[in-house]
Amino acid sequence: MTESALNTSAGIGISPMTEHDLLEVVEIEQTTGLSHWGWDAYHRELQTTDRGLMWVARLEPKTDSQHTLAGYVVGRLAADELHINNVAVRPLYRRNGLGTALLLKVLQAARGFNASRAFLEVRAGNAAAQALYERCGFTTVGRRRNYYSSPPDDALVMAAEIEVNA
């Protein structure tokens, strides 16, 4: 599903993350089992606007639920590389292309900064996330033993080439 299809058909738009989004971002982080960053880390990352790429999937218009966000992605630029730190989608909104749309958005933004390659780590036991990343052009390039705790797991390092603007 393309980002534009997602925006119009599902009532979800992708926009830059703001400080007002952080409480929900942390809630999503906690409910999806990501490694803990917490409010302070996301807030610090937001302050690095020159190298941080942070996007949210915003419910439009606001639904009857107390939630305004369906998911988010956080990436960081270093030299000509993008490191994707976190991608998370609320369970209710999974399996509809939202994770793909968030990943494609951060890759597109990195392309605007002339990034040529993207990297991420994923739990070796998270087959669903690995399949998502593979659909977005990532391949496994390494393994970090005992990288995760709670529960312990290896990390697969995945990378994708980003076509740099000509």
Protein backbone atom coordinates (compact mmCIF):
# COMPACT_ATOMS: atom_id res chain seq x y z
CA MET A 1 0.00 0.00 0.00
CA THR A 2 1.41 3.35 -0.92
CA GLU A 3 1.57 6.22 1.54
CA SER A 4 -1.06 8.18 -0.39
CA ALA A 5 -3.42 5.20 -0.41
CA LEU A 6 -2.88 4.82 3.30
CA ASN A 7 -3.63 8.49 3.91
CA THR A 8 -6.94 8.51 2.06
CA SER A 9 -8.37 5.04 2.58
CA ALA A 10 -7.39 4.27 6.15
CA GLY A 11 -7.73 7.74 7.68
CA ILE A 12 -4.08 7.75 8.72
CA GLY A 13 -1.57 10.41 7.72
CA ILE A 14 2.18 10.38 8.18
CA SER A 15 3.66 13.56 9.62
CA PRO A 16 6.76 14.68 11.53
CA MET A 17 6.81 13.71 15.20
CA THR A 18 6.39 16.57 17.67
CA GLU A 19 6.93 16.89 21.39
CA HIS A 20 3.15 16.61 21.84
CA ASP A 21 3.32 13.06 20.42
CA LEU A 22 5.86 11.71 22.91
CA LEU A 23 3.50 10.33 25.57
CA GLU A 24 1.75 8.19 22.96
CA VAL A 25 5.06 7.22 21.33
CA VAL A 26 6.28 5.90 24.70
CA GLU A 27 2.96 4.09 25.22
CA ILE A 28 3.29 2.43 21.80
CA GLU A 29 6.90 1.52 22.62
CA GLN A 30 5.76 -0.17 25.86
CA THR A 31 2.86 -2.06 24.28
CA THR A 32 4.87 -3.36 21.32
CA GLY A 33 7.82 -4.75 23.29
CA LEU A 34 10.52 -2.54 21.80
CA SER A 35 13.71 -2.01 23.75
CA HIS A 36 13.04 0.81 26.20
CA TRP A 37 13.97 4.34 25.11
CA GLY A 38 11.50 6.36 27.14
CA TRP A 39 10.29 9.95 26.94
CA ASP A 40 13.67 11.60 27.64
CA ALA A 41 15.48 9.76 24.85
CA TYR A 42 12.79 10.57 22.27
CA HIS A 43 12.73 14.18 23.45
CA ARG A 44 16.52 14.48 23.08
CA GLU A 45 16.31 12.95 19.62
CA LEU A 46 13.65 15.49 18.63
CA GLN A 47 16.08 18.25 19.60
CA THR A 48 18.58 17.00 16.98
CA THR A 49 16.41 18.17 14.10
CA ASP A 50 19.37 18.35 11.75
CA ARG A 51 20.13 14.59 11.83
CA GLY A 52 17.07 12.92 13.35
CA LEU A 53 14.20 11.66 11.22
CA MET A 54 11.10 11.02 13.31
CA TRP A 55 7.64 10.39 11.84
CA VAL A 56 4.28 9.37 13.27
CA ALA A 57 1.22 7.74 11.74
CA ARG A 58 -1.57 10.05 12.89
CA LEU A 59 -5.24 9.05 12.95
CA GLU A 60 -7.17 11.58 10.86
CA PRO A 61 -9.68 12.62 11.96
CA LYS A 62 -9.24 11.67 15.60
CA THR A 63 -11.16 8.48 16.32
CA ASP A 64 -13.38 7.73 19.29
CA SER A 65 -10.43 6.08 21.04
CA GLN A 66 -8.11 8.00 23.29
CA HIS A 67 -5.31 7.43 20.78
CA THR A 68 -4.19 9.87 18.11
CA LEU A 69 -1.22 7.81 16.86
CA ALA A 70 -1.19 4.41 15.18
CA GLY A 71 2.60 4.06 14.94
CA TYR A 72 5.95 5.74 14.50
CA VAL A 73 9.45 5.45 13.09
CA VAL A 74 12.69 6.95 14.39
CA GLY A 75 15.88 7.17 12.35
CA ARG A 76 19.19 9.01 12.62
CA LEU A 77 21.55 10.17 9.93
CA ALA A 78 25.31 9.73 10.29
CA ALA A 79 27.48 10.75 7.36
CA ASP A 80 25.73 9.18 4.34
CA GLU A 81 23.95 6.45 6.31
CA LEU A 82 20.57 6.16 7.98
CA HIS A 83 20.22 4.10 11.12
CA ILE A 84 16.62 3.13 11.81
CA ASN A 85 16.29 2.93 15.58
CA ASN A 86 12.63 2.05 16.08
CA VAL A 87 9.58 1.16 14.02
CA ALA A 88 6.39 0.42 15.92
CA VAL A 89 2.71 0.04 15.03
CA ARG A 90 -0.10 -0.48 17.52
CA PRO A 91 -1.42 -4.07 17.24
CA LEU A 92 -4.87 -2.79 16.18
CA TYR A 93 -3.36 -1.13 13.07
CA ARG A 94 -0.96 -3.87 11.97
CA ARG A 95 -1.20 -5.82 8.68
CA ASN A 96 -2.51 -2.89 6.61
CA GLY A 97 0.71 -1.44 5.18
CA LEU A 98 1.37 1.08 7.93
CA GLY A 99 4.80 -0.29 8.86
CA THR A 100 5.75 -0.24 5.19
CA ALA A 101 4.50 3.33 4.79
CA LEU A 102 6.50 4.50 7.82
CA LEU A 103 9.67 2.78 6.59
CA LEU A 104 9.29 4.19 3.09
CA LYS A 105 8.76 7.67 4.54
CA VAL A 106 11.96 7.60 6.59
CA LEU A 107 13.92 6.18 3.62
CA GLN A 108 12.53 8.94 1.38
CA ALA A 109 13.50 11.59 3.93
CA ALA A 110 17.02 10.13 4.22
CA ARG A 111 17.33 10.21 0.43
CA GLY A 112 16.76 13.97 0.65
CA PHE A 113 19.91 14.15 2.81
CA ASN A 114 21.84 12.05 0.25
CA ALA A 115 22.00 8.98 2.47
CA SER A 116 23.10 6.00 0.42
CA ARG A 117 22.47 3.12 2.83
CA ALA A 118 20.13 2.29 5.72
CA PHE A 119 20.78 -0.05 8.64
CA LEU A 120 18.68 -1.48 11.46
CA GLU A 121 18.76 -4.23 14.05
CA VAL A 122 15.88 -6.64 14.56
CA ARG A 123 15.38 -9.46 17.01
CA ALA A 124 16.39 -12.78 15.45
CA GLY A 125 13.11 -14.22 16.72
CA ASN A 126 10.89 -11.53 15.15
CA ALA A 127 10.01 -13.11 11.82
CA ALA A 128 7.15 -10.66 11.12
CA ALA A 129 9.43 -7.62 11.40
CA GLN A 130 12.11 -9.31 9.31
CA ALA A 131 9.56 -9.98 6.56
CA LEU A 132 8.48 -6.33 6.64
CA TYR A 133 12.06 -5.14 6.31
CA GLU A 134 12.75 -7.58 3.47
CA ARG A 135 9.68 -6.26 1.60
CA CYS A 136 11.22 -2.78 1.90
CA GLY A 137 14.53 -3.92 0.38
CA PHE A 138 16.55 -4.86 3.47
CA THR A 139 18.78 -7.92 3.59
CA THR A 140 20.58 -9.51 6.54
CA VAL A 141 24.25 -8.50 6.65
CA GLY A 142 25.27 -9.60 10.14
CA ARG A 143 24.33 -10.95 13.53
CA ARG A 144 25.00 -9.54 17.01
CA ARG A 145 24.99 -12.30 19.60
CA ASN A 146 23.03 -11.64 22.81
CA TYR A 147 22.26 -8.07 21.73
CA TYR A 148 18.82 -7.90 23.36
CA SER A 149 17.76 -8.58 26.92
CA SER A 150 14.27 -9.08 28.35
CA PRO A 151 14.01 -11.59 26.75
CA PRO A 152 17.53 -12.41 25.58
CA ASP A 153 17.91 -12.64 21.82
CA ASP A 154 20.41 -12.06 19.04
CA ALA A 155 20.04 -9.12 16.69
CA LEU A 156 20.12 -9.46 12.95
CA VAL A 157 21.73 -6.46 11.28
CA MET A 158 19.87 -5.59 8.10
CA ALA A 159 20.81 -3.08 5.41
CA ALA A 160 19.26 -1.54 2.33
CA GLU A 161 20.70 0.62 -0.41
CA ILE A 162 19.08 4.03 -0.83
CA GLU A 163 19.07 5.46 -4.32
CA VAL A 164 20.62 8.91 -3.87
CA ASN A 165 19.01 11.84 -5.66
CA ALA A 166 20.78 12.62 -8.90
